[in-house]
Amino acid sequence: MFGLSAGHLLILTAVVLLFGHRRLPELGHALGKGAGAFKRGLEGKDTDSTDLEEKR
């Protein structure tokens, strides 16, 4: 079924039970922002707090 094994479905069910269906988009957004920040940090494009304050 869509390339998902029983193990994948078990993990997906556990995540939904732990976090709830309303918090999953928030969790995905936070993980995406974290991954982007990690990638920028590896590339050396990390900004310091003074740059962030100027952008606001």
Protein backbone atom coordinates (compact mmCIF):
# COMPACT_ATOMS: atom_id res chain seq x y z
CA MET A 1 0.00 0.00 0.00
CA PHE A 2 1.78 3.13 -1.28
CA GLY A 3 5.15 1.55 -0.53
CA LEU A 4 4.51 1.46 3.23
CA SER A 5 5.29 -1.63 5.22
CA ALA A 6 3.62 -2.70 8.44
CA GLY A 7 6.52 -1.15 10.37
CA HIS A 8 5.97 2.23 8.72
CA LEU A 9 2.27 2.13 9.53
CA LEU A 10 3.02 1.20 13.13
CA ILE A 11 5.41 4.15 13.51
CA LEU A 12 2.93 6.52 11.85
CA THR A 13 0.16 5.33 14.18
CA ALA A 14 2.40 5.81 17.22
CA VAL A 15 3.29 9.37 16.13
CA VAL A 16 -0.36 10.28 15.61
CA LEU A 17 -1.28 8.84 19.02
CA LEU A 18 1.57 10.63 20.78
CA PHE A 19 1.23 14.07 19.20
CA GLY A 20 -2.35 14.11 17.99
CA HIS A 21 -3.59 14.96 14.53
CA ARG A 22 -3.77 18.70 15.25
CA ARG A 23 -0.11 19.02 16.26
CA LEU A 24 1.36 17.12 13.30
CA PRO A 25 1.49 20.17 10.96
CA GLU A 26 3.21 22.19 13.70
CA LEU A 27 5.68 19.37 14.24
CA GLY A 28 6.41 19.15 10.51
CA HIS A 29 6.90 22.91 10.28
CA ALA A 30 9.30 22.91 13.23
CA LEU A 31 11.28 20.00 11.78
CA GLY A 32 11.50 21.75 8.41
CA LYS A 33 12.74 24.98 9.97
CA GLY A 34 15.28 23.06 12.01
CA ALA A 35 16.54 21.17 8.98
CA GLY A 36 16.87 24.43 7.03
CA ALA A 37 18.79 26.09 9.83
CA PHE A 38 21.07 23.07 10.10
CA LYS A 39 21.76 23.13 6.36
CA ARG A 40 22.50 26.89 6.43
CA GLY A 41 24.83 26.33 9.38
CA LEU A 42 26.74 23.66 7.48
CA GLU A 43 27.07 25.92 4.46
CA GLY A 44 28.36 28.78 6.60
CA LYS A 45 25.40 31.04 5.89
CA ASP A 46 24.48 31.34 9.54
CA THR A 47 23.49 34.81 10.74
CA ASP A 48 24.07 36.27 14.16
CA SER A 49 21.49 37.98 16.34
CA THR A 50 22.30 41.50 15.09
CA ASP A 51 21.42 40.54 11.52
CA LEU A 52 18.12 39.08 12.66
CA GLU A 53 17.19 42.25 14.53
CA GLU A 54 17.90 44.39 11.47
CA LYS A 55 15.58 42.26 9.31
CA ARG A 56 12.62 42.80 11.64
